[in-house]
Structure formats: structure tokens, C-alpha cells
Amino acid sequence: MSFELFPPRNPDAAPRTWETVRAIEQVHPDFVSVTYGAAGKTRETSRVFVSRLLQETNLDPIAHLTCVGTSRADTIEIVEEFLDEGVRSFLALRGDPPLDQPDWRPHPEGLHTAGDLVGLLREIETRRCAGSASQAVRARVRPLSIAVAAFPRGNAGTGGTRAQDVASLLAKQEAGADFAITQVVFDAESYLELVAEARDAGVVIPIIPGIIPSTDPGRLLRVQELTGVLVPTTLLEELGSASDDLDRHRRGVRAGIDLIKGVLDGGAPGVHVYTYNQHHAALDLLDGAGLRGSGARSSAPAAVLA
């Protein structure tokens, strides 16, 4: 059981964000992932937020990290900053090109794939351990854990198919990834089909389904626009027929509970909930699925999820 958070967008949003942090801390998730803006736009705010989570909570944060548009040298500097803060877990992502730059080109001295980023993270960790006995001890106590993304219906951002994503997932595993978290899914079948194809291809790392509380039709449509993952028409119709906000919330939570039960019954090792820094619907999902309090803080997320 895990959640995604993002750094407060501005000082006014900070109190609500920390209300959510404290609420989800009470259910003892295995980890929380912290987003990192496109092309590293939230580099400093993400680092500060992760650092505060480490210092002031019992949560185990996974720092998102992207490489698109960044030189190898800059990426190394960013990784070193996170490691120096005490971060031991990363979600390695290629990242999306800036939407407002139609002529954008990748950095000529940068990394090209998430697999390249996974390999670089392993390389940096090896070098740090070789150069410092204390770092080597830390690595034995808290091994570096690296997550990657998976796309049940193919990566719409790159125009890739599911078969191509399975090949990419295998490459990330070979580069040193410990587990994968999927892009948002709205049906258990797409997740289970991805897992089946991945296993047939030789992918053995855990693959965790990413789930968004389906209580806000507007947010669902924004997610569809950003990710290319189509929201089921039946779900939108169900939410649209609600008599009021409370009824809509109940219908959305019910749909989410059914989805969680579907993926868990199919063998999913857990669920990763995209909170959008709002905890009420996320925790209602866990209550309804009987998962509240099922998490346990671990020394490494991969150890729990394997």
C-alpha cells in the first residue's frame, strides 16, 4: 500500500498538503512517492519536501527523478543531492518534454531512456560505496531501491504499444530496477494483461497498479488529457448520474474499491494510490477494500513488495 504526493505548489497549499501527509502517515503505507516536475522544474521544492518527510515523519519517501532535457552531469548532481539528504529510493523516469516548447530537442549530453537512468543510479551508488566505508555500511543496511514506470496500454506519450513497453520494462529490469508502478489504470484487465505479457517476456520484478480515486469527473478527464489513458464512459456516466456531491463521492469510491479488489484478486502485490494531495477519497478506498493499516514501514520498498 503506497501513495503519490507532490510538493506544495505554493505556500498557501502547504497546510493542506501536510494535512494529507499526516493523515496517510497514520495508515502506515509501505512508501510514498514524491513527484518531480517536467524537466526538473520542481527540483528544489521536491528535494526540500522529501527531506522534510525524512526528518519529520515516519514515511519512507521515494523521490521521482527524470532525465529528459538534462545533461548527464546535471543528473548526477541531482542524484547526489538526494542521496546526501538520506534518500534511498528513487522512481526513475524518462520524463515528458515541455508542452510549451514544440521545437524542443533532448540534451545532447543527456540520458535517453529510463533504463539509462536506472543504470546511472546503480553506477553512482557503486562509486559512492567504493569511496566511503560509511556509505558502504549504509548501503548494506538500506540498499538503494529503484522503481520504474509501466504502461498497461502502452505509453501514449511516446506512441508506444504495450509490447514495446514490456520490452522497455525488461530493459529497465536488466539495468537494475527493483519494481514497477503502473500509470493510472481504470480496469483490472489492462493491468493483469500487462503483467501476463511481462512475465512471459521474462520480467520478474513486482508490478504495482496505480489507481486514482474516481470521485471527481473533472480530474479524471484532466488525467485522460495528460496521459492518453481513456476514462471508461460507464464510469463517467455513473458519476454524472449522481444526485449530489456526496452521492458522487460514494459512487466513485465504490468503483475504486471494485478495481482494487479486481487487481488484488488477480495477484497484484499491492496498490499505489495517486492522491493529488487529497487524502479523504484515498483513505475511503482503503477502508472499503479492507486495506487500512495493512502497510508496514520497510527498510526497502522492494523487499516488502517482492
C-alpha atoms as a PDB file:
ATOM      1  CA  MET A   1       0.000   0.000   0.000  1.00  0.00           C
ATOM      2  CA  SER A   2       1.513   3.283  -1.080  1.00  0.00           C
ATOM      3  CA  PHE A   3       0.617   6.805  -2.157  1.00  0.00           C
ATOM      4  CA  GLU A   4       1.830   9.503  -4.530  1.00  0.00           C
ATOM      5  CA  LEU A   5       2.282  13.071  -3.310  1.00  0.00           C
ATOM      6  CA  PHE A   6       3.586  16.230  -4.946  1.00  0.00           C
ATOM      7  CA  PRO A   7       5.368  19.184  -3.317  1.00  0.00           C
ATOM      8  CA  PRO A   8       3.099  22.098  -2.361  1.00  0.00           C
ATOM      9  CA  ARG A   9       2.719  24.309  -5.424  1.00  0.00           C
ATOM     10  CA  ASN A  10       2.784  27.467  -3.314  1.00  0.00           C
ATOM     11  CA  PRO A  11       2.843  28.464   0.374  1.00  0.00           C
ATOM     12  CA  ASP A  12      -0.947  28.632   0.519  1.00  0.00           C
ATOM     13  CA  ALA A  13      -1.172  24.954  -0.477  1.00  0.00           C
ATOM     14  CA  ALA A  14       1.318  23.766   2.143  1.00  0.00           C
ATOM     15  CA  PRO A  15      -1.139  23.369   5.063  1.00  0.00           C
ATOM     16  CA  ARG A  16      -3.467  21.154   3.030  1.00  0.00           C
ATOM     17  CA  THR A  17      -0.533  19.098   1.766  1.00  0.00           C
ATOM     18  CA  TRP A  18       0.722  18.484   5.282  1.00  0.00           C
ATOM     19  CA  GLU A  19      -2.770  17.628   6.477  1.00  0.00           C
ATOM     20  CA  THR A  20      -2.735  14.884   3.850  1.00  0.00           C
ATOM     21  CA  VAL A  21       0.772  13.800   4.854  1.00  0.00           C
ATOM     22  CA  ARG A  22      -0.255  13.416   8.493  1.00  0.00           C
ATOM     23  CA  ALA A  23      -3.444  11.563   7.574  1.00  0.00           C
ATOM     24  CA  ILE A  24      -1.746   8.972   5.388  1.00  0.00           C
ATOM     25  CA  GLU A  25       1.085   8.617   7.890  1.00  0.00           C
ATOM     26  CA  GLN A  26      -1.494   7.159  10.288  1.00  0.00           C
ATOM     27  CA  VAL A  27      -2.217   4.203   7.978  1.00  0.00           C
ATOM     28  CA  HIS A  28       1.452   3.170   7.765  1.00  0.00           C
ATOM     29  CA  PRO A  29       1.970   2.898   3.997  1.00  0.00           C
ATOM     30  CA  ASP A  30       4.968   0.988   2.696  1.00  0.00           C
ATOM     31  CA  PHE A  31       6.154   4.169   0.971  1.00  0.00           C
ATOM     32  CA  VAL A  32       5.098   7.455  -0.565  1.00  0.00           C
ATOM     33  CA  SER A  33       6.401   8.668  -3.912  1.00  0.00           C
ATOM     34  CA  VAL A  34       7.106  12.363  -4.443  1.00  0.00           C
ATOM     35  CA  THR A  35       6.731  13.813  -7.925  1.00  0.00           C
ATOM     36  CA  TYR A  36       9.386  15.755  -9.791  1.00  0.00           C
ATOM     37  CA  GLY A  37       8.170  18.349 -12.302  1.00  0.00           C
ATOM     38  CA  ALA A  38       8.625  18.052 -16.046  1.00  0.00           C
ATOM     39  CA  ALA A  39      12.269  18.670 -16.985  1.00  0.00           C
ATOM     40  CA  GLY A  40      13.060  19.032 -13.280  1.00  0.00           C
ATOM     41  CA  LYS A  41      11.008  22.211 -12.778  1.00  0.00           C
ATOM     42  CA  THR A  42      10.362  21.379  -9.129  1.00  0.00           C
ATOM     43  CA  ARG A  43      13.898  20.161  -8.409  1.00  0.00           C
ATOM     44  CA  GLU A  44      14.456  22.248  -5.295  1.00  0.00           C
ATOM     45  CA  THR A  45      10.927  22.057  -3.905  1.00  0.00           C
ATOM     46  CA  SER A  46      10.882  18.267  -4.424  1.00  0.00           C
ATOM     47  CA  ARG A  47      14.218  17.874  -2.639  1.00  0.00           C
ATOM     48  CA  VAL A  48      13.104  20.036   0.280  1.00  0.00           C
ATOM     49  CA  PHE A  49       9.768  18.208   0.548  1.00  0.00           C
ATOM     50  CA  VAL A  50      11.449  14.791   0.512  1.00  0.00           C
ATOM     51  CA  SER A  51      13.968  15.966   3.108  1.00  0.00           C
ATOM     52  CA  ARG A  52      11.194  17.158   5.391  1.00  0.00           C
ATOM     53  CA  LEU A  53       9.339  13.851   5.019  1.00  0.00           C
ATOM     54  CA  LEU A  54      12.516  12.045   6.074  1.00  0.00           C
ATOM     55  CA  GLN A  55      13.121  14.313   9.051  1.00  0.00           C
ATOM     56  CA  GLU A  56       9.608  14.900  10.372  1.00  0.00           C
ATOM     57  CA  THR A  57       7.568  11.793   9.567  1.00  0.00           C
ATOM     58  CA  ASN A  58       7.754   8.013   9.702  1.00  0.00           C
ATOM     59  CA  LEU A  59       7.091   7.796   5.967  1.00  0.00           C
ATOM     60  CA  ASP A  60       9.529   6.198   3.534  1.00  0.00           C
ATOM     61  CA  PRO A  61       9.716   8.601   0.548  1.00  0.00           C
ATOM     62  CA  ILE A  62      10.613   7.585  -2.978  1.00  0.00           C
ATOM     63  CA  ALA A  63      11.981  10.528  -4.953  1.00  0.00           C
ATOM     64  CA  HIS A  64      10.825  10.785  -8.562  1.00  0.00           C
ATOM     65  CA  LEU A  65      13.693  11.530 -10.924  1.00  0.00           C
ATOM     66  CA  THR A  66      13.552  12.395 -14.625  1.00  0.00           C
ATOM     67  CA  CYS A  67      16.356  12.674 -17.154  1.00  0.00           C
ATOM     68  CA  VAL A  68      14.712  14.235 -20.204  1.00  0.00           C
ATOM     69  CA  GLY A  69      16.317  17.541 -21.161  1.00  0.00           C
ATOM     70  CA  THR A  70      19.051  17.249 -18.510  1.00  0.00           C
ATOM     71  CA  SER A  71      22.747  16.607 -19.068  1.00  0.00           C
ATOM     72  CA  ARG A  72      24.354  13.544 -17.514  1.00  0.00           C
ATOM     73  CA  ALA A  73      26.457  15.820 -15.286  1.00  0.00           C
ATOM     74  CA  ASP A  74      23.382  17.678 -14.005  1.00  0.00           C
ATOM     75  CA  THR A  75      21.557  14.407 -13.396  1.00  0.00           C
ATOM     76  CA  ILE A  76      24.479  13.131 -11.332  1.00  0.00           C
ATOM     77  CA  GLU A  77      24.446  16.345  -9.291  1.00  0.00           C
ATOM     78  CA  ILE A  78      20.716  15.968  -8.613  1.00  0.00           C
ATOM     79  CA  VAL A  79      21.107  12.334  -7.556  1.00  0.00           C
ATOM     80  CA  GLU A  80      23.984  13.254  -5.236  1.00  0.00           C
ATOM     81  CA  GLU A  81      21.806  15.940  -3.627  1.00  0.00           C
ATOM     82  CA  PHE A  82      19.041  13.436  -2.890  1.00  0.00           C
ATOM     83  CA  LEU A  83      21.484  10.815  -1.595  1.00  0.00           C
ATOM     84  CA  ASP A  84      23.137  13.372   0.676  1.00  0.00           C
ATOM     85  CA  GLU A  85      19.686  14.143   2.126  1.00  0.00           C
ATOM     86  CA  GLY A  86      19.316  10.475   3.050  1.00  0.00           C
ATOM     87  CA  VAL A  87      17.113   9.322   0.175  1.00  0.00           C
ATOM     88  CA  ARG A  88      17.496   5.603  -0.504  1.00  0.00           C
ATOM     89  CA  SER A  89      14.678   5.103  -3.005  1.00  0.00           C
ATOM     90  CA  PHE A  90      14.049   6.550  -6.467  1.00  0.00           C
ATOM     91  CA  LEU A  91      11.416   6.288  -9.179  1.00  0.00           C
ATOM     92  CA  ALA A  92      13.467   6.525 -12.363  1.00  0.00           C
ATOM     93  CA  LEU A  93      11.528   8.112 -15.240  1.00  0.00           C
ATOM     94  CA  ARG A  94      12.454   9.337 -18.685  1.00  0.00           C
ATOM     95  CA  GLY A  95      10.068  12.248 -18.226  1.00  0.00           C
ATOM     96  CA  ASP A  96       7.993  14.267 -20.669  1.00  0.00           C
ATOM     97  CA  PRO A  97       9.255  17.022 -22.968  1.00  0.00           C
ATOM     98  CA  PRO A  98       7.959  20.526 -22.134  1.00  0.00           C
ATOM     99  CA  LEU A  99       4.485  21.031 -23.617  1.00  0.00           C
ATOM    100  CA  ASP A 100       5.156  24.693 -24.400  1.00  0.00           C
ATOM    101  CA  GLN A 101       8.282  24.031 -26.489  1.00  0.00           C
ATOM    102  CA  PRO A 102       7.287  22.481 -29.857  1.00  0.00           C
ATOM    103  CA  ASP A 103      10.881  22.648 -31.129  1.00  0.00           C
ATOM    104  CA  TRP A 104      12.326  21.018 -28.010  1.00  0.00           C
ATOM    105  CA  ARG A 105      15.225  18.597 -28.506  1.00  0.00           C
ATOM    106  CA  PRO A 106      16.828  16.206 -25.973  1.00  0.00           C
ATOM    107  CA  HIS A 107      20.006  17.386 -24.296  1.00  0.00           C
ATOM    108  CA  PRO A 108      22.944  16.268 -26.487  1.00  0.00           C
ATOM    109  CA  GLU A 109      24.846  15.096 -23.398  1.00  0.00           C
ATOM    110  CA  GLY A 110      21.854  13.644 -21.571  1.00  0.00           C
ATOM    111  CA  LEU A 111      20.355  10.230 -20.953  1.00  0.00           C
ATOM    112  CA  HIS A 112      17.751   8.957 -23.388  1.00  0.00           C
ATOM    113  CA  THR A 113      15.752   6.323 -21.501  1.00  0.00           C
ATOM    114  CA  ALA A 114      14.612   5.435 -18.009  1.00  0.00           C
ATOM    115  CA  GLY A 115      16.794   2.343 -18.308  1.00  0.00           C
ATOM    116  CA  ASP A 116      19.803   4.609 -18.788  1.00  0.00           C
ATOM    117  CA  LEU A 117      18.804   6.466 -15.621  1.00  0.00           C
ATOM    118  CA  VAL A 118      18.488   3.225 -13.647  1.00  0.00           C
ATOM    119  CA  GLY A 119      21.976   2.245 -14.780  1.00  0.00           C
ATOM    120  CA  LEU A 120      23.358   5.639 -13.781  1.00  0.00           C
ATOM    121  CA  LEU A 121      21.794   5.378 -10.313  1.00  0.00           C
ATOM    122  CA  ARG A 122      23.458   1.997  -9.810  1.00  0.00           C
ATOM    123  CA  GLU A 123      26.749   3.416 -11.072  1.00  0.00           C
ATOM    124  CA  ILE A 124      26.618   6.384  -8.670  1.00  0.00           C
ATOM    125  CA  GLU A 125      25.800   4.129  -5.720  1.00  0.00           C
ATOM    126  CA  THR A 126      28.674   1.782  -6.547  1.00  0.00           C
ATOM    127  CA  ARG A 127      31.113   4.683  -6.786  1.00  0.00           C
ATOM    128  CA  ARG A 128      29.965   6.217  -3.501  1.00  0.00           C
ATOM    129  CA  CYS A 129      30.286   2.899  -1.692  1.00  0.00           C
ATOM    130  CA  ALA A 130      33.765   2.306  -3.103  1.00  0.00           C
ATOM    131  CA  GLY A 131      34.892   5.733  -1.952  1.00  0.00           C
ATOM    132  CA  SER A 132      33.447   5.718   1.576  1.00  0.00           C
ATOM    133  CA  ALA A 133      33.282   2.997   4.201  1.00  0.00           C
ATOM    134  CA  SER A 134      30.310   4.710   5.853  1.00  0.00           C
ATOM    135  CA  GLN A 135      28.435   4.807   2.543  1.00  0.00           C
ATOM    136  CA  ALA A 136      29.157   1.113   2.065  1.00  0.00           C
ATOM    137  CA  VAL A 137      27.707   0.350   5.509  1.00  0.00           C
ATOM    138  CA  ARG A 138      24.632   2.435   4.748  1.00  0.00           C
ATOM    139  CA  ALA A 139      24.147   0.530   1.508  1.00  0.00           C
ATOM    140  CA  ARG A 140      24.218  -2.774   3.371  1.00  0.00           C
ATOM    141  CA  VAL A 141      21.692  -1.566   5.939  1.00  0.00           C
ATOM    142  CA  ARG A 142      19.478   0.333   3.458  1.00  0.00           C
ATOM    143  CA  PRO A 143      20.137  -0.943  -0.068  1.00  0.00           C
ATOM    144  CA  LEU A 144      19.321   1.510  -2.822  1.00  0.00           C
ATOM    145  CA  SER A 145      15.837   0.765  -4.182  1.00  0.00           C
ATOM    146  CA  ILE A 146      14.847   1.797  -7.710  1.00  0.00           C
ATOM    147  CA  ALA A 147      11.325   1.784  -9.102  1.00  0.00           C
ATOM    148  CA  VAL A 148      10.319   2.384 -12.717  1.00  0.00           C
ATOM    149  CA  ALA A 149       7.117   3.086 -14.610  1.00  0.00           C
ATOM    150  CA  ALA A 150       4.969   0.635 -16.557  1.00  0.00           C
ATOM    151  CA  PHE A 151       2.174   1.380 -19.021  1.00  0.00           C
ATOM    152  CA  PRO A 152      -0.682  -1.158 -19.192  1.00  0.00           C
ATOM    153  CA  ARG A 153      -1.986   0.192 -22.502  1.00  0.00           C
ATOM    154  CA  GLY A 154       1.319   1.416 -23.894  1.00  0.00           C
ATOM    155  CA  ASN A 155       2.977   4.770 -23.352  1.00  0.00           C
ATOM    156  CA  ALA A 156       0.751   7.296 -25.079  1.00  0.00           C
ATOM    157  CA  GLY A 157       3.407   9.962 -24.521  1.00  0.00           C
ATOM    158  CA  THR A 158       5.801   8.194 -26.860  1.00  0.00           C
ATOM    159  CA  GLY A 159       3.219   6.494 -29.066  1.00  0.00           C
ATOM    160  CA  GLY A 160       4.409   3.126 -27.798  1.00  0.00           C
ATOM    161  CA  THR A 161       2.413  -0.090 -27.664  1.00  0.00           C
ATOM    162  CA  ARG A 162       2.101  -2.407 -24.701  1.00  0.00           C
ATOM    163  CA  ALA A 163       4.500  -4.832 -26.361  1.00  0.00           C
ATOM    164  CA  GLN A 164       7.060  -2.053 -26.660  1.00  0.00           C
ATOM    165  CA  ASP A 165       6.559  -1.121 -23.024  1.00  0.00           C
ATOM    166  CA  VAL A 166       7.083  -4.725 -21.959  1.00  0.00           C
ATOM    167  CA  ALA A 167      10.395  -4.714 -23.844  1.00  0.00           C
ATOM    168  CA  SER A 168      11.287  -1.443 -22.149  1.00  0.00           C
ATOM    169  CA  LEU A 169      10.322  -2.846 -18.762  1.00  0.00           C
ATOM    170  CA  LEU A 170      12.597  -5.830 -19.339  1.00  0.00           C
ATOM    171  CA  ALA A 171      15.456  -3.463 -20.209  1.00  0.00           C
ATOM    172  CA  LYS A 172      14.832  -1.478 -17.016  1.00  0.00           C
ATOM    173  CA  GLN A 173      14.902  -4.703 -15.009  1.00  0.00           C
ATOM    174  CA  GLU A 174      18.203  -5.686 -16.611  1.00  0.00           C
ATOM    175  CA  ALA A 175      19.590  -2.233 -15.784  1.00  0.00           C
ATOM    176  CA  GLY A 176      18.839  -2.794 -12.103  1.00  0.00           C
ATOM    177  CA  ALA A 177      15.216  -1.822 -11.401  1.00  0.00           C
ATOM    178  CA  ASP A 178      13.631  -3.428  -8.338  1.00  0.00           C
ATOM    179  CA  PHE A 179       9.932  -2.950  -9.058  1.00  0.00           C
ATOM    180  CA  ALA A 180       7.499  -1.060 -11.276  1.00  0.00           C
ATOM    181  CA  ILE A 181       4.482   1.171 -10.695  1.00  0.00           C
ATOM    182  CA  THR A 182       1.946   1.481 -13.478  1.00  0.00           C
ATOM    183  CA  GLN A 183       0.442   4.552 -14.987  1.00  0.00           C
ATOM    184  CA  VAL A 184      -3.136   5.044 -13.795  1.00  0.00           C
ATOM    185  CA  VAL A 185      -5.446   2.125 -14.615  1.00  0.00           C
ATOM    186  CA  PHE A 186      -9.233   2.168 -14.685  1.00  0.00           C
ATOM    187  CA  ASP A 187      -9.817  -1.543 -15.248  1.00  0.00           C
ATOM    188  CA  ALA A 188      -8.230  -4.636 -13.770  1.00  0.00           C
ATOM    189  CA  GLU A 189      -7.993  -6.379 -17.139  1.00  0.00           C
ATOM    190  CA  SER A 190      -5.453  -3.978 -18.639  1.00  0.00           C
ATOM    191  CA  TYR A 191      -3.208  -4.340 -15.604  1.00  0.00           C
ATOM    192  CA  LEU A 192      -3.472  -8.127 -15.496  1.00  0.00           C
ATOM    193  CA  GLU A 193      -2.808  -8.409 -19.227  1.00  0.00           C
ATOM    194  CA  LEU A 194       0.316  -6.282 -18.872  1.00  0.00           C
ATOM    195  CA  VAL A 195       1.589  -8.462 -16.033  1.00  0.00           C
ATOM    196  CA  ALA A 196       0.922 -11.640 -18.008  1.00  0.00           C
ATOM    197  CA  GLU A 197       2.786 -10.352 -21.072  1.00  0.00           C
ATOM    198  CA  ALA A 198       5.637  -9.076 -18.920  1.00  0.00           C
ATOM    199  CA  ARG A 199       6.037 -12.413 -17.166  1.00  0.00           C
ATOM    200  CA  ASP A 200       6.055 -14.226 -20.495  1.00  0.00           C
ATOM    201  CA  ALA A 201       8.835 -11.885 -21.636  1.00  0.00           C
ATOM    202  CA  GLY A 202      10.983 -12.587 -18.574  1.00  0.00           C
ATOM    203  CA  VAL A 203      10.062  -9.661 -16.320  1.00  0.00           C
ATOM    204  CA  VAL A 204      10.096 -10.929 -12.735  1.00  0.00           C
ATOM    205  CA  ILE A 205      10.085  -7.699 -10.688  1.00  0.00           C
ATOM    206  CA  PRO A 206       6.846  -6.769  -8.871  1.00  0.00           C
ATOM    207  CA  ILE A 207       4.445  -4.584 -10.888  1.00  0.00           C
ATOM    208  CA  ILE A 208       2.145  -2.424  -8.760  1.00  0.00           C
ATOM    209  CA  PRO A 209      -1.062  -0.978 -10.239  1.00  0.00           C
ATOM    210  CA  GLY A 210      -1.510   2.795  -9.982  1.00  0.00           C
ATOM    211  CA  ILE A 211      -5.054   3.826  -9.035  1.00  0.00           C
ATOM    212  CA  ILE A 212      -6.707   7.243  -8.808  1.00  0.00           C
ATOM    213  CA  PRO A 213      -9.795   7.797  -6.634  1.00  0.00           C
ATOM    214  CA  SER A 214     -12.617   8.123  -9.166  1.00  0.00           C
ATOM    215  CA  THR A 215     -14.659  10.723  -7.321  1.00  0.00           C
ATOM    216  CA  ASP A 216     -14.024  13.839  -9.443  1.00  0.00           C
ATOM    217  CA  PRO A 217     -15.073  13.637 -13.122  1.00  0.00           C
ATOM    218  CA  GLY A 218     -13.175  16.819 -13.959  1.00  0.00           C
ATOM    219  CA  ARG A 219      -9.932  15.426 -12.590  1.00  0.00           C
ATOM    220  CA  LEU A 220     -10.444  12.131 -14.404  1.00  0.00           C
ATOM    221  CA  LEU A 221     -10.809  13.977 -17.708  1.00  0.00           C
ATOM    222  CA  ARG A 222      -7.676  16.027 -16.998  1.00  0.00           C
ATOM    223  CA  VAL A 223      -5.789  12.813 -16.301  1.00  0.00           C
ATOM    224  CA  GLN A 224      -7.098  11.438 -19.597  1.00  0.00           C
ATOM    225  CA  GLU A 225      -5.859  14.536 -21.410  1.00  0.00           C
ATOM    226  CA  LEU A 226      -2.415  14.395 -19.816  1.00  0.00           C
ATOM    227  CA  THR A 227      -1.811  10.650 -20.038  1.00  0.00           C
ATOM    228  CA  GLY A 228      -3.856   9.483 -23.002  1.00  0.00           C
ATOM    229  CA  VAL A 229      -5.478   6.829 -20.786  1.00  0.00           C
ATOM    230  CA  LEU A 230      -9.194   6.828 -21.616  1.00  0.00           C
ATOM    231  CA  VAL A 231     -11.636   7.071 -18.744  1.00  0.00           C
ATOM    232  CA  PRO A 232     -14.380   4.444 -19.204  1.00  0.00           C
ATOM    233  CA  THR A 233     -17.587   6.013 -20.443  1.00  0.00           C
ATOM    234  CA  THR A 234     -19.550   3.870 -17.995  1.00  0.00           C
ATOM    235  CA  LEU A 235     -17.618   5.399 -15.094  1.00  0.00           C
ATOM    236  CA  LEU A 236     -18.272   8.950 -16.263  1.00  0.00           C
ATOM    237  CA  GLU A 237     -21.948   8.148 -16.740  1.00  0.00           C
ATOM    238  CA  GLU A 238     -22.150   6.629 -13.262  1.00  0.00           C
ATOM    239  CA  LEU A 239     -20.622   9.741 -11.705  1.00  0.00           C
ATOM    240  CA  GLY A 240     -22.737  12.031 -13.859  1.00  0.00           C
ATOM    241  CA  SER A 241     -25.961  10.435 -12.682  1.00  0.00           C
ATOM    242  CA  ALA A 242     -25.204  11.157  -9.016  1.00  0.00           C
ATOM    243  CA  SER A 243     -27.797  13.202  -7.142  1.00  0.00           C
ATOM    244  CA  ASP A 244     -25.257  15.342  -5.274  1.00  0.00           C
ATOM    245  CA  ASP A 245     -21.566  15.590  -4.325  1.00  0.00           C
ATOM    246  CA  LEU A 246     -21.845  13.026  -1.539  1.00  0.00           C
ATOM    247  CA  ASP A 247     -23.565  10.540  -3.825  1.00  0.00           C
ATOM    248  CA  ARG A 248     -20.888  11.149  -6.469  1.00  0.00           C
ATOM    249  CA  HIS A 249     -18.167  10.513  -3.895  1.00  0.00           C
ATOM    250  CA  ARG A 250     -19.794   7.248  -2.837  1.00  0.00           C
ATOM    251  CA  ARG A 251     -20.161   6.065  -6.428  1.00  0.00           C
ATOM    252  CA  GLY A 252     -16.556   6.921  -7.226  1.00  0.00           C
ATOM    253  CA  VAL A 253     -15.242   5.196  -4.117  1.00  0.00           C
ATOM    254  CA  ARG A 254     -17.317   2.117  -4.918  1.00  0.00           C
ATOM    255  CA  ALA A 255     -15.808   1.958  -8.412  1.00  0.00           C
ATOM    256  CA  GLY A 256     -12.327   2.288  -6.927  1.00  0.00           C
ATOM    257  CA  ILE A 257     -12.966  -0.457  -4.385  1.00  0.00           C
ATOM    258  CA  ASP A 258     -14.120  -2.808  -7.141  1.00  0.00           C
ATOM    259  CA  LEU A 259     -10.957  -2.014  -9.114  1.00  0.00           C
ATOM    260  CA  ILE A 260      -8.686  -2.610  -6.123  1.00  0.00           C
ATOM    261  CA  LYS A 261     -10.343  -5.938  -5.381  1.00  0.00           C
ATOM    262  CA  GLY A 262     -10.036  -6.890  -9.046  1.00  0.00           C
ATOM    263  CA  VAL A 263      -6.283  -6.306  -9.233  1.00  0.00           C
ATOM    264  CA  LEU A 264      -5.601  -7.885  -5.852  1.00  0.00           C
ATOM    265  CA  ASP A 265      -7.672 -10.957  -6.704  1.00  0.00           C
ATOM    266  CA  GLY A 266      -5.618 -11.183  -9.901  1.00  0.00           C
ATOM    267  CA  GLY A 267      -2.360 -11.297  -7.934  1.00  0.00           C
ATOM    268  CA  ALA A 268      -1.244  -7.664  -7.633  1.00  0.00           C
ATOM    269  CA  PRO A 269       1.347  -7.247  -4.835  1.00  0.00           C
ATOM    270  CA  GLY A 270      -0.345  -4.073  -3.607  1.00  0.00           C
ATOM    271  CA  VAL A 271      -1.793  -0.793  -4.840  1.00  0.00           C
ATOM    272  CA  HIS A 272      -0.305   2.664  -5.386  1.00  0.00           C
ATOM    273  CA  VAL A 273      -2.853   5.473  -4.940  1.00  0.00           C
ATOM    274  CA  TYR A 274      -2.457   8.803  -6.742  1.00  0.00           C
ATOM    275  CA  THR A 275      -3.746  11.175  -4.062  1.00  0.00           C
ATOM    276  CA  TYR A 276      -3.386  14.595  -5.740  1.00  0.00           C
ATOM    277  CA  ASN A 277      -2.559  15.689  -2.192  1.00  0.00           C
ATOM    278  CA  GLN A 278      -6.104  14.931  -1.019  1.00  0.00           C
ATOM    279  CA  HIS A 279      -6.473  12.130   1.469  1.00  0.00           C
ATOM    280  CA  HIS A 280     -10.211  11.684   2.080  1.00  0.00           C
ATOM    281  CA  ALA A 281     -11.079   9.677  -1.034  1.00  0.00           C
ATOM    282  CA  ALA A 282      -7.790   7.765  -0.909  1.00  0.00           C
ATOM    283  CA  LEU A 283      -8.399   6.602   2.647  1.00  0.00           C
ATOM    284  CA  ASP A 284     -12.047   5.825   1.893  1.00  0.00           C
ATOM    285  CA  LEU A 285     -10.788   3.499  -0.839  1.00  0.00           C
ATOM    286  CA  LEU A 286      -8.541   1.694   1.618  1.00  0.00           C
ATOM    287  CA  ASP A 287     -11.338   1.395   4.174  1.00  0.00           C
ATOM    288  CA  GLY A 288     -13.708  -0.032   1.620  1.00  0.00           C
ATOM    289  CA  ALA A 289     -11.142  -2.502   0.319  1.00  0.00           C
ATOM    290  CA  GLY A 290     -10.133  -3.550   3.830  1.00  0.00           C
ATOM    291  CA  LEU A 291      -6.580  -2.271   3.422  1.00  0.00           C
ATOM    292  CA  ARG A 292      -6.309   0.500   6.013  1.00  0.00           C
ATOM    293  CA  GLY A 293      -3.407  -0.282   8.310  1.00  0.00           C
ATOM    294  CA  SER A 294      -2.168  -3.144   6.114  1.00  0.00           C
ATOM    295  CA  GLY A 295       1.070  -1.366   5.263  1.00  0.00           C
ATOM    296  CA  ALA A 296       4.274  -1.708   7.261  1.00  0.00           C
ATOM    297  CA  ARG A 297       7.325   0.511   7.113  1.00  0.00           C
ATOM    298  CA  SER A 298      10.180  -1.395   5.489  1.00  0.00           C
ATOM    299  CA  SER A 299      13.907  -0.974   5.122  1.00  0.00           C
ATOM    300  CA  ALA A 300      13.487  -1.126   1.351  1.00  0.00           C
ATOM    301  CA  PRO A 301      10.209  -0.982  -0.598  1.00  0.00           C
ATOM    302  CA  ALA A 302      11.309  -3.746  -2.955  1.00  0.00           C
ATOM    303  CA  ALA A 303      11.778  -6.111  -0.021  1.00  0.00           C
ATOM    304  CA  VAL A 304       8.155  -5.669   1.006  1.00  0.00           C
ATOM    305  CA  LEU A 305       6.729  -5.939  -2.461  1.00  0.00           C
ATOM    306  CA  ALA A 306       8.736  -8.866  -3.807  1.00  0.00           C
END
